[in-house]
């Protein structure tokens, strides 16, 4: 299919952040960037033409018009008409698909001419009210996917927006929905009452696909999400050293909704790191300070759960070592982001926007696009080494360093680099043992199970180490290079895995 151009209503200071975020979101999303490009008027080079002639020409050329209507009407020409209204009228005259998003839950403080434009648009098509950048990106995502489906480009929706196979409204928990509504009203003054009907809430959050719950709905409010999405479970491991060693002192697999996964994983980590309890001199409760900032740990876990690739058979893994906390999640960063760019101001580009929005409403995600910056600031304020972010094959890895790493000097950097390389292969070893627990797998099958894009160096080292330690073995030992070759756990490997199943 030919790329379609989205025209974002022309330059308005009121929407500078939103316009940049929408462009970055579309360009960074694996699905949308295959079909759409975004036109921003301010991105054009200077030319010998009047501005109004240029933007109206671009409206003619575009495939979809996206109108952002706020509180201000904007610049008016001699006739008293703003560029936004000219654009809307042009798109209407040409019969362009129009997606209109209105800023704010009510019309208080809105300029009279802007209110008139909103009313005019409302008389012709459906408008959607939005109150934040995450709401806007989620609403645009849903609208663009619906456009692709209507035009026959997509026969099924993207993962979090598409209907969950074999799931019905009966598979959702009313109690979990009420818990979310209570939290969202308290945290963000969410519009719906706690008693709002299940179906009304799902419609409001864009979580229904032809009256069936979407994957996002099941992950958020499912009575048993892993019945439909088994890989959505979360694995937590604690190692006493700096590398993966067997037996695993503590290994837990958590199931439940995304809210429950985050809470359980956070409790696992906080229960195993040092904490100091203060006095009640300043209040009825004694303050608790953890060696790793609690909010930084929570942010890293939420990032992994919210932005992972749910089409992968791999799970999110939280691994606590003596010197660091590593959180692995399947999936690549969006094309517009790199590990380096995460350390500077950047747009929020959620992989699963329909999943991210309720997490935002319940204040699990605090600020759009600032999560990694908050982690860095929190660790720096605690006197810790700054967090690190890296892409390891098909996995995204976040590392938070424990206090004993805060005093690292430049003379130790080479040794730390070597230790990190060993830790990566060690972490792969744990993942391989877990993947082989049920049945033998070939190298290709193992790579897929671990969510890797290819056979990485860490993977090769991990396989070799496991063979040398007799924790795994070939299924055809007499022909190591056989095309039918697979790996399986040895008796020793199964014993090691079994020893790691309990709490400390």
Protein backbone atom coordinates (compact mmCIF):
# COMPACT_ATOMS: atom_id res chain seq x y z
CA UNK A 1 0.00 0.00 0.00
CA UNK A 2 1.17 3.56 -0.77
CA UNK A 3 2.14 5.62 2.27
CA UNK A 4 -0.63 7.95 3.43
CA UNK A 5 0.07 11.49 4.60
CA UNK A 6 -1.45 12.81 7.83
CA UNK A 7 -1.88 16.59 7.95
CA UNK A 8 -1.68 17.90 11.52
CA UNK A 9 -3.56 21.20 11.81
CA UNK A 10 -1.05 24.01 11.24
CA UNK A 11 1.26 25.71 13.72
CA UNK A 12 -0.39 26.56 17.05
CA UNK A 13 1.72 27.38 20.11
CA UNK A 14 -0.94 25.78 22.27
CA UNK A 15 -0.22 22.36 20.73
CA UNK A 16 3.55 22.47 20.24
CA UNK A 17 4.16 19.51 22.60
CA UNK A 18 1.23 17.48 21.28
CA UNK A 19 2.18 17.92 17.62
CA UNK A 20 5.78 16.83 18.22
CA UNK A 21 4.60 13.85 20.30
CA UNK A 22 2.12 12.71 17.63
CA UNK A 23 4.73 12.86 14.88
CA UNK A 24 7.24 10.92 17.00
CA UNK A 25 4.55 8.41 17.97
CA UNK A 26 3.46 7.64 14.40
CA UNK A 27 7.06 7.43 13.17
CA UNK A 28 8.07 5.22 16.08
CA UNK A 29 5.18 2.76 16.06
CA UNK A 30 5.97 -0.49 14.23
CA UNK A 31 2.49 -0.65 12.66
CA UNK A 32 1.68 2.98 11.89
CA UNK A 33 5.01 3.87 10.33
CA UNK A 34 4.39 1.22 7.66
CA UNK A 35 1.35 3.14 6.40
CA UNK A 36 1.59 6.79 7.47
CA UNK A 37 3.86 9.80 7.34
CA UNK A 38 3.11 13.03 9.23
CA UNK A 39 3.23 16.51 7.69
CA UNK A 40 4.13 19.39 10.00
CA UNK A 41 3.96 22.87 8.50
CA UNK A 42 6.90 24.16 10.53
CA UNK A 43 9.15 21.41 9.13
CA UNK A 44 9.00 22.91 5.63
CA UNK A 45 12.00 24.92 4.42
CA UNK A 46 11.53 28.63 3.71
CA UNK A 47 9.97 29.27 0.30
CA UNK A 48 8.72 32.14 -1.81
CA UNK A 49 5.03 31.51 -1.13
CA UNK A 50 2.41 32.81 1.26
CA UNK A 51 1.96 30.58 4.30
CA UNK A 52 -1.79 30.20 3.78
CA UNK A 53 -1.27 29.03 0.20
CA UNK A 54 1.25 26.44 1.36
CA UNK A 55 -0.78 24.85 4.12
CA UNK A 56 -3.98 24.74 2.05
CA UNK A 57 -2.02 23.08 -0.75
CA UNK A 58 -0.80 20.47 1.75
CA UNK A 59 -4.38 19.85 2.89
CA UNK A 60 -5.23 19.10 -0.74
CA UNK A 61 -2.35 16.61 -0.95
CA UNK A 62 -2.96 14.86 2.38
CA UNK A 63 -4.89 11.63 2.86
CA UNK A 64 -6.11 12.29 6.41
CA UNK A 65 -6.73 15.59 8.19
CA UNK A 66 -6.15 15.64 11.97
CA UNK A 67 -7.57 18.71 13.68
CA UNK A 68 -6.43 19.71 17.17
CA UNK A 69 -8.92 22.14 18.67
CA UNK A 70 -7.97 23.83 21.94
CA UNK A 71 -8.86 26.86 24.01
CA UNK A 72 -7.42 29.50 21.68
CA UNK A 73 -8.74 30.33 18.22
CA UNK A 74 -5.33 31.52 16.99
CA UNK A 75 -4.19 34.12 14.47
CA UNK A 76 -6.98 35.74 12.41
CA UNK A 77 -6.62 37.22 8.94
CA UNK A 78 -8.41 40.30 7.62
CA UNK A 79 -11.61 38.25 7.33
CA UNK A 80 -11.33 37.15 10.97
CA UNK A 81 -10.68 33.48 10.12
CA UNK A 82 -7.83 31.38 11.59
CA UNK A 83 -5.61 28.94 9.62
CA UNK A 84 -7.13 26.04 11.58
CA UNK A 85 -10.65 26.89 10.39
CA UNK A 86 -9.46 27.38 6.79
CA UNK A 87 -7.82 23.96 6.91
CA UNK A 88 -10.89 22.28 8.35
CA UNK A 89 -13.12 23.88 5.70
CA UNK A 90 -10.75 22.80 2.91
CA UNK A 91 -10.57 19.21 4.15
CA UNK A 92 -14.38 19.15 4.42
CA UNK A 93 -14.84 20.53 0.90
CA UNK A 94 -12.46 17.92 -0.54
CA UNK A 95 -14.09 15.05 1.36
CA UNK A 96 -10.92 14.14 3.26
CA UNK A 97 -11.20 11.76 6.26
CA UNK A 98 -11.15 14.10 9.28
CA UNK A 99 -10.15 13.17 12.82
CA UNK A 100 -10.98 15.90 15.33
CA UNK A 101 -9.60 15.96 18.87
CA UNK A 102 -10.83 18.57 21.35
CA UNK A 103 -8.63 19.59 24.26
CA UNK A 104 -10.27 19.52 27.71
CA UNK A 105 -13.16 17.71 29.35
CA UNK A 106 -15.31 20.86 29.31
CA UNK A 107 -15.47 24.18 27.47
CA UNK A 108 -14.56 26.53 30.32
CA UNK A 109 -12.24 29.31 29.17
CA UNK A 110 -12.56 28.48 25.49
CA UNK A 111 -12.50 31.34 22.98
CA UNK A 112 -15.96 31.94 21.43
CA UNK A 113 -14.73 31.45 17.85
CA UNK A 114 -13.01 28.19 18.77
CA UNK A 115 -16.21 27.01 20.45
CA UNK A 116 -18.09 27.83 17.26
CA UNK A 117 -15.58 25.83 15.21
CA UNK A 118 -15.92 22.87 17.59
CA UNK A 119 -19.70 23.04 17.27
CA UNK A 120 -19.41 23.15 13.47
CA UNK A 121 -17.17 20.10 13.46
CA UNK A 122 -19.48 18.30 15.88
CA UNK A 123 -22.41 18.79 13.55
CA UNK A 124 -20.56 16.90 10.80
CA UNK A 125 -18.54 14.15 12.48
CA UNK A 126 -17.60 12.54 15.77
CA UNK A 127 -15.17 14.50 17.93
CA UNK A 128 -13.03 13.01 20.68
CA UNK A 129 -12.15 14.93 23.84
CA UNK A 130 -8.65 14.41 25.24
CA UNK A 131 -6.91 15.78 28.32
CA UNK A 132 -3.29 14.65 28.03
CA UNK A 133 -0.66 13.57 25.52
CA UNK A 134 -1.10 9.85 26.40
CA UNK A 135 -4.87 10.19 25.84
CA UNK A 136 -4.26 11.93 22.52
CA UNK A 137 -1.79 9.32 21.22
CA UNK A 138 -4.06 6.47 22.33
CA UNK A 139 -7.07 8.09 20.64
CA UNK A 140 -5.14 8.80 17.42
CA UNK A 141 -3.78 5.24 17.38
CA UNK A 142 -7.26 3.77 17.67
CA UNK A 143 -8.63 6.11 14.99
CA UNK A 144 -5.83 5.36 12.52
CA UNK A 145 -6.16 1.61 13.04
CA UNK A 146 -9.91 1.91 12.49
CA UNK A 147 -9.19 3.85 9.27
CA UNK A 148 -6.85 1.09 8.06
CA UNK A 149 -9.48 -1.53 8.83
CA UNK A 150 -12.25 0.40 7.09
CA UNK A 151 -10.11 0.85 3.99
CA UNK A 152 -9.25 -2.87 4.00
CA UNK A 153 -5.53 -2.41 4.69
CA UNK A 154 -5.75 -4.31 7.96
CA UNK A 155 -7.87 -7.38 8.36
CA UNK A 156 -7.25 -7.46 12.10
CA UNK A 157 -6.22 -4.79 14.57
CA UNK A 158 -2.83 -4.28 16.25
CA UNK A 159 -2.15 -6.46 19.23
CA UNK A 160 -3.38 -4.41 22.16
CA UNK A 161 -6.35 -3.03 20.18
CA UNK A 162 -7.42 -6.29 18.53
CA UNK A 163 -9.98 -8.64 20.04
CA UNK A 164 -8.58 -11.32 22.34
CA UNK A 165 -9.28 -14.72 20.78
CA UNK A 166 -11.98 -16.70 22.64
CA UNK A 167 -12.33 -14.06 25.38
CA UNK A 168 -15.69 -12.54 26.32
CA UNK A 169 -16.86 -9.89 28.76
CA UNK A 170 -17.46 -12.73 31.26
CA UNK A 171 -13.68 -13.25 31.38
CA UNK A 172 -13.16 -9.78 32.85
CA UNK A 173 -13.30 -9.04 36.57
CA UNK A 174 -15.80 -6.45 37.79
CA UNK A 175 -13.84 -6.20 41.05
CA UNK A 176 -10.58 -5.37 39.24
CA UNK A 177 -12.38 -2.79 37.10
CA UNK A 178 -13.86 -1.12 40.21
CA UNK A 179 -10.40 -1.06 41.79
CA UNK A 180 -9.04 0.71 38.70
CA UNK A 181 -11.88 3.26 38.58
CA UNK A 182 -11.40 4.04 42.27
CA UNK A 183 -7.65 4.58 41.73
CA UNK A 184 -8.15 6.62 38.52
CA UNK A 185 -10.72 8.94 40.12
CA UNK A 186 -8.46 9.52 43.10
CA UNK A 187 -5.23 9.93 41.09
CA UNK A 188 -6.40 11.78 37.96
CA UNK A 189 -10.01 12.83 38.68
CA UNK A 190 -11.12 10.36 35.99
CA UNK A 191 -14.55 11.19 34.57
CA UNK A 192 -16.29 7.83 35.14
CA UNK A 193 -17.78 6.92 38.50
CA UNK A 194 -16.61 3.81 40.33
CA UNK A 195 -20.04 2.29 39.67
CA UNK A 196 -19.83 2.80 35.89
CA UNK A 197 -20.93 -0.31 33.95
CA UNK A 198 -18.19 -2.57 32.62
CA UNK A 199 -19.08 -2.11 28.95
CA UNK A 200 -19.35 1.68 29.26
CA UNK A 201 -15.88 1.84 30.81
CA UNK A 202 -14.38 -0.35 28.10
CA UNK A 203 -15.91 1.85 25.40
CA UNK A 204 -14.57 4.95 27.12
CA UNK A 205 -11.06 3.44 27.16
CA UNK A 206 -11.28 2.10 23.57
CA UNK A 207 -10.92 -1.48 24.85
CA UNK A 208 -13.73 -3.11 22.86
CA UNK A 209 -13.38 -4.51 19.37
CA UNK A 210 -16.79 -5.35 17.87
CA UNK A 211 -18.22 -5.79 21.42
CA UNK A 212 -15.43 -8.18 22.40
CA UNK A 213 -12.65 -7.37 24.89
CA UNK A 214 -9.32 -6.45 23.33
CA UNK A 215 -5.99 -7.89 24.40
CA UNK A 216 -5.43 -4.69 26.40
CA UNK A 217 -8.76 -5.20 28.22
CA UNK A 218 -7.76 -8.74 29.21
CA UNK A 219 -4.31 -7.64 30.37
CA UNK A 220 -5.82 -4.81 32.43
CA UNK A 221 -8.96 -6.36 33.89
CA UNK A 222 -8.91 -10.08 33.10
CA UNK A 223 -9.92 -12.52 35.82
CA UNK A 224 -7.11 -14.76 34.54
CA UNK A 225 -5.10 -12.97 31.82
CA UNK A 226 -2.56 -15.80 31.47
CA UNK A 227 -5.32 -18.16 30.32
CA UNK A 228 -5.32 -16.23 27.05
CA UNK A 229 -1.82 -14.69 27.12
CA UNK A 230 0.49 -17.14 28.92
CA UNK A 231 3.68 -15.22 28.12
CA UNK A 232 2.34 -12.15 29.95
CA UNK A 233 3.51 -13.67 33.25
CA UNK A 234 6.48 -12.03 35.00
CA UNK A 235 9.54 -13.89 36.36
CA UNK A 236 11.57 -12.64 39.34
CA UNK A 237 14.95 -14.07 40.37
CA UNK A 238 17.42 -13.19 43.12
CA UNK A 239 21.11 -14.11 42.92
CA UNK A 240 23.58 -13.57 45.77
CA UNK A 241 26.50 -12.88 43.42
CA UNK A 242 27.03 -10.72 40.36
CA UNK A 243 26.33 -13.51 37.86
CA UNK A 244 23.65 -16.12 37.34
CA UNK A 245 24.51 -19.07 39.56
CA UNK A 246 22.59 -22.19 40.43
CA UNK A 247 20.76 -22.90 42.54
CA UNK A 248 18.72 -19.73 42.31
CA UNK A 249 18.18 -18.61 45.93
CA UNK A 250 14.77 -17.16 45.13
CA UNK A 251 12.71 -17.59 41.97
CA UNK A 252 9.07 -16.57 41.58
CA UNK A 253 6.69 -16.52 38.61
CA UNK A 254 3.88 -14.01 38.97
CA UNK A 255 0.57 -13.99 37.14
CA UNK A 256 -2.33 -11.54 37.01
CA UNK A 257 -3.21 -8.23 35.41
CA UNK A 258 -0.54 -5.70 34.48
CA UNK A 259 -1.34 -3.81 37.70
CA UNK A 260 -0.86 -6.96 39.77
CA UNK A 261 2.36 -7.91 37.94
CA UNK A 262 3.89 -4.51 38.69
CA UNK A 263 2.85 -4.63 42.35
CA UNK A 264 4.13 -8.19 42.87
CA UNK A 265 7.46 -7.57 41.15
CA UNK A 266 8.00 -4.36 43.12
CA UNK A 267 7.27 -6.17 46.40
CA UNK A 268 9.74 -8.93 45.41
CA UNK A 269 12.58 -6.44 44.91
CA UNK A 270 11.83 -4.25 47.94
CA UNK A 271 11.68 -7.31 50.20
CA UNK A 272 15.24 -8.28 49.22
CA UNK A 273 17.13 -4.98 49.26
CA UNK A 274 18.38 -3.12 52.32
CA UNK A 275 16.11 -0.58 53.92
CA UNK A 276 16.42 1.88 56.77
CA UNK A 277 13.47 2.79 59.00
CA UNK A 278 13.47 6.26 60.53
CA UNK A 279 11.64 7.63 63.57
CA UNK A 280 8.08 8.85 63.99
CA UNK A 281 9.29 12.32 64.96
CA UNK A 282 7.68 13.93 61.91
CA UNK A 283 4.53 11.84 61.59
CA UNK A 284 2.50 8.84 62.71
CA UNK A 285 4.38 6.48 60.39
CA UNK A 286 8.11 5.87 60.47
CA UNK A 287 9.72 6.73 57.07
CA UNK A 288 11.37 3.91 55.13
CA UNK A 289 14.34 4.48 52.83
CA UNK A 290 15.44 1.70 50.47
CA UNK A 291 18.96 1.31 49.10
CA UNK A 292 17.45 1.66 45.60
CA UNK A 293 14.87 4.48 45.25
CA UNK A 294 11.47 2.84 45.35
CA UNK A 295 10.06 5.07 42.62
CA UNK A 296 12.99 4.29 40.30
CA UNK A 297 12.46 0.55 40.76
CA UNK A 298 8.71 0.95 40.17
CA UNK A 299 9.30 3.04 37.03
CA UNK A 300 11.65 0.43 35.55
CA UNK A 301 9.18 -2.39 36.20
CA UNK A 302 6.25 -0.42 34.79
CA UNK A 303 8.31 0.42 31.68
CA UNK A 304 8.98 -3.27 31.07
CA UNK A 305 5.36 -4.34 31.56
CA UNK A 306 3.78 -1.45 29.64
CA UNK A 307 6.14 -1.34 26.65
CA UNK A 308 7.02 -5.01 26.12
CA UNK A 309 6.19 -6.85 22.92
CA UNK A 310 3.20 -9.00 23.87
CA UNK A 311 3.41 -10.98 20.63
CA UNK A 312 6.67 -12.51 21.89
CA UNK A 313 6.72 -15.83 23.73
CA UNK A 314 9.31 -14.43 26.16
CA UNK A 315 8.35 -12.94 29.52
CA UNK A 316 9.48 -9.91 31.47
CA UNK A 317 12.31 -10.91 33.82
CA UNK A 318 13.38 -9.07 36.96
CA UNK A 319 16.81 -10.20 38.18
CA UNK A 320 18.36 -8.89 41.39
CA UNK A 321 22.14 -9.38 41.74
CA UNK A 322 24.53 -8.37 44.50
CA UNK A 323 25.57 -5.26 42.60
CA UNK A 324 22.59 -4.39 40.41
CA UNK A 325 18.95 -4.86 39.43
CA UNK A 326 18.35 -5.90 35.81
CA UNK A 327 14.92 -5.81 34.17
CA UNK A 328 14.57 -7.48 30.76
CA UNK A 329 11.55 -7.18 28.51
CA UNK A 330 11.00 -8.56 24.99
CA UNK A 331 10.87 -5.95 22.26
CA UNK A 332 12.95 -3.33 20.46
CA UNK A 333 12.88 0.39 21.19
CA UNK A 334 10.79 2.42 18.71
CA UNK A 335 12.80 3.58 15.69
CA UNK A 336 12.75 7.18 16.94
CA UNK A 337 14.45 6.23 20.23
CA UNK A 338 17.84 4.81 21.19
CA UNK A 339 19.32 3.95 24.62
CA UNK A 340 21.30 7.20 24.38
CA UNK A 341 18.21 9.31 23.59
CA UNK A 342 16.47 7.91 26.67
CA UNK A 343 18.96 9.90 28.73
CA UNK A 344 17.71 13.22 27.29
CA UNK A 345 14.28 14.80 26.90
CA UNK A 346 12.22 12.73 24.46
CA UNK A 347 8.65 12.16 23.38
CA UNK A 348 6.56 9.39 24.90
CA UNK A 349 6.13 6.66 22.27
CA UNK A 350 4.24 3.79 23.92
CA UNK A 351 4.35 0.42 22.18
CA UNK A 352 0.92 -0.38 23.62
CA UNK A 353 -0.95 2.96 23.92
CA UNK A 354 -4.29 1.42 24.87
CA UNK A 355 -2.51 -0.41 27.69
CA UNK A 356 -0.48 2.62 28.73
CA UNK A 357 -3.46 4.96 29.09
CA UNK A 358 -5.14 3.14 32.06
CA UNK A 359 -1.70 2.75 33.67
CA UNK A 360 -1.36 6.53 33.38
CA UNK A 361 -4.85 7.13 34.78
CA UNK A 362 -4.07 4.94 37.83
CA UNK A 363 -0.76 6.84 38.24
CA UNK A 364 1.43 3.82 37.55
CA UNK A 365 2.95 5.94 34.76
CA UNK A 366 3.58 9.37 36.26
CA UNK A 367 4.69 11.63 33.38
CA UNK A 368 4.67 10.94 29.66
CA UNK A 369 8.17 10.70 28.22
CA UNK A 370 10.02 11.40 31.50
CA UNK A 371 10.21 7.94 33.07
CA UNK A 372 13.86 7.23 32.28
CA UNK A 373 14.84 10.79 33.21
CA UNK A 374 13.07 10.39 36.55
CA UNK A 375 14.97 7.14 37.18
CA UNK A 376 18.28 8.87 36.45
CA UNK A 377 17.45 11.83 38.71
CA UNK A 378 16.28 9.61 41.58
CA UNK A 379 19.41 7.44 41.49
CA UNK A 380 21.67 10.47 41.20
CA UNK A 381 19.95 12.10 44.19
CA UNK A 382 20.49 8.91 46.20
CA UNK A 383 24.21 9.00 45.41
CA UNK A 384 24.01 5.96 43.15
CA UNK A 385 25.55 5.27 39.78
CA UNK A 386 23.16 6.36 37.03
CA UNK A 387 20.89 3.67 35.49
CA UNK A 388 21.93 2.13 32.19
CA UNK A 389 19.77 1.18 29.21
CA UNK A 390 20.73 -1.17 26.40
CA UNK A 391 19.27 -3.27 23.61
CA UNK A 392 20.38 -6.91 23.85
CA UNK A 393 19.19 -8.77 20.75
CA UNK A 394 15.42 -8.69 20.90
CA UNK A 395 15.34 -7.61 24.55
CA UNK A 396 15.43 -4.18 26.16
CA UNK A 397 17.43 -4.12 29.41
CA UNK A 398 17.31 -1.58 32.24
CA UNK A 399 20.03 -1.71 34.92
CA UNK A 400 19.85 0.01 38.30
CA UNK A 401 23.11 -0.13 40.28
CA UNK A 402 23.07 -0.93 43.99
CA UNK A 403 25.04 1.24 46.46
CA UNK A 404 28.30 -0.68 46.36
CA UNK A 405 28.65 0.44 42.73
CA UNK A 406 28.33 4.15 43.52
CA UNK A 407 32.04 4.49 44.31
CA UNK A 408 33.22 2.92 41.07
CA UNK A 409 36.26 4.72 39.64
CA UNK A 410 37.47 5.09 36.11
CA UNK A 411 40.32 2.62 36.85
CA UNK A 412 37.70 -0.07 37.44
CA UNK A 413 35.74 0.56 34.24
CA UNK A 414 37.48 -2.11 32.16
CA UNK A 415 36.91 -4.76 34.83
CA UNK A 416 33.25 -3.71 35.16
CA UNK A 417 32.79 -3.97 31.41
CA UNK A 418 34.08 -7.54 31.47
CA UNK A 419 31.89 -8.39 34.45
CA UNK A 420 28.85 -6.96 32.67
CA UNK A 421 29.57 -9.12 29.61
CA UNK A 422 29.75 -12.17 31.87
CA UNK A 423 26.56 -11.12 33.63
CA UNK A 424 24.74 -10.87 30.29
CA UNK A 425 25.68 -14.42 29.34
CA UNK A 426 24.85 -15.53 32.88
CA UNK A 427 21.39 -14.00 32.62
CA UNK A 428 20.94 -15.80 29.29
CA UNK A 429 21.86 -19.08 31.05
CA UNK A 430 18.96 -18.68 33.48
CA UNK A 431 16.56 -17.93 30.63
CA UNK A 432 17.73 -20.98 28.66
CA UNK A 433 17.27 -23.35 31.62
CA UNK A 434 13.74 -22.02 32.17
CA UNK A 435 12.90 -22.35 28.47
CA UNK A 436 14.03 -26.00 28.43
CA UNK A 437 12.00 -26.94 31.52
CA UNK A 438 9.11 -28.40 29.53
CA UNK A 439 10.71 -29.94 26.43
CA UNK A 440 13.88 -30.05 24.30
CA UNK A 441 14.35 -27.13 21.91
CA UNK A 442 16.58 -26.43 18.93
CA UNK A 443 18.82 -23.36 18.83
CA UNK A 444 16.30 -21.59 16.60
CA UNK A 445 13.45 -22.45 18.96
CA UNK A 446 15.48 -21.27 21.97
CA UNK A 447 16.26 -17.95 20.29
CA UNK A 448 12.52 -17.44 19.65
CA UNK A 449 11.60 -18.46 23.21
CA UNK A 450 14.05 -15.91 24.61
CA UNK A 451 12.70 -13.19 22.33
CA UNK A 452 16.04 -12.68 20.58
CA UNK A 453 16.38 -11.50 17.00
CA UNK A 454 19.44 -13.67 16.31
CA UNK A 455 22.10 -15.85 17.93
CA UNK A 456 23.93 -13.24 20.03
CA UNK A 457 27.37 -13.55 21.62
CA UNK A 458 25.82 -13.78 25.08
CA UNK A 459 23.58 -16.62 23.86
CA UNK A 460 26.53 -18.58 22.43
CA UNK A 461 28.55 -18.13 25.62
CA UNK A 462 25.60 -19.20 27.76
CA UNK A 463 25.04 -22.39 25.72
CA UNK A 464 28.73 -23.29 25.95
CA UNK A 465 28.83 -22.69 29.71
CA UNK A 466 25.71 -24.80 30.31
CA UNK A 467 27.15 -27.66 28.23
CA UNK A 468 30.46 -27.49 30.12
CA UNK A 469 28.67 -27.55 33.47
CA UNK A 470 26.55 -30.54 32.31
CA UNK A 471 23.34 -28.64 33.00
CA UNK A 472 22.15 -29.20 29.42
CA UNK A 473 23.07 -31.75 26.77
CA UNK A 474 22.53 -32.55 23.09
CA UNK A 475 19.62 -34.81 22.15
CA UNK A 476 21.89 -36.29 19.47
CA UNK A 477 25.31 -36.21 21.20
CA UNK A 478 27.03 -38.31 18.53
CA UNK A 479 26.16 -35.69 15.87
CA UNK A 480 26.61 -32.21 17.39
CA UNK A 481 26.08 -30.47 14.04
CA UNK A 482 22.97 -32.43 13.02
CA UNK A 483 20.17 -30.30 11.56
CA UNK A 484 17.81 -32.17 13.92
CA UNK A 485 19.91 -31.29 16.98
CA UNK A 486 18.19 -29.96 20.08
CA UNK A 487 19.17 -29.12 23.66
CA UNK A 488 17.62 -30.67 26.75
CA UNK A 489 18.07 -30.41 30.51
CA UNK A 490 20.26 -33.01 32.20
CA UNK A 491 19.29 -34.61 35.52
CA UNK A 492 21.68 -32.16 37.15
CA UNK A 493 20.07 -29.26 35.30
CA UNK A 494 16.57 -30.25 36.45
CA UNK A 495 17.80 -30.58 40.04
CA UNK A 496 19.34 -27.11 39.88
CA UNK A 497 16.15 -25.63 38.46
CA UNK A 498 14.03 -27.37 41.11
CA UNK A 499 16.27 -26.08 43.92
CA UNK A 500 15.57 -22.53 42.86
CA UNK A 501 11.78 -22.71 43.08
CA UNK A 502 11.25 -21.51 46.67
CA UNK A 503 11.65 -18.36 48.67
CA UNK A 504 14.82 -17.59 50.51
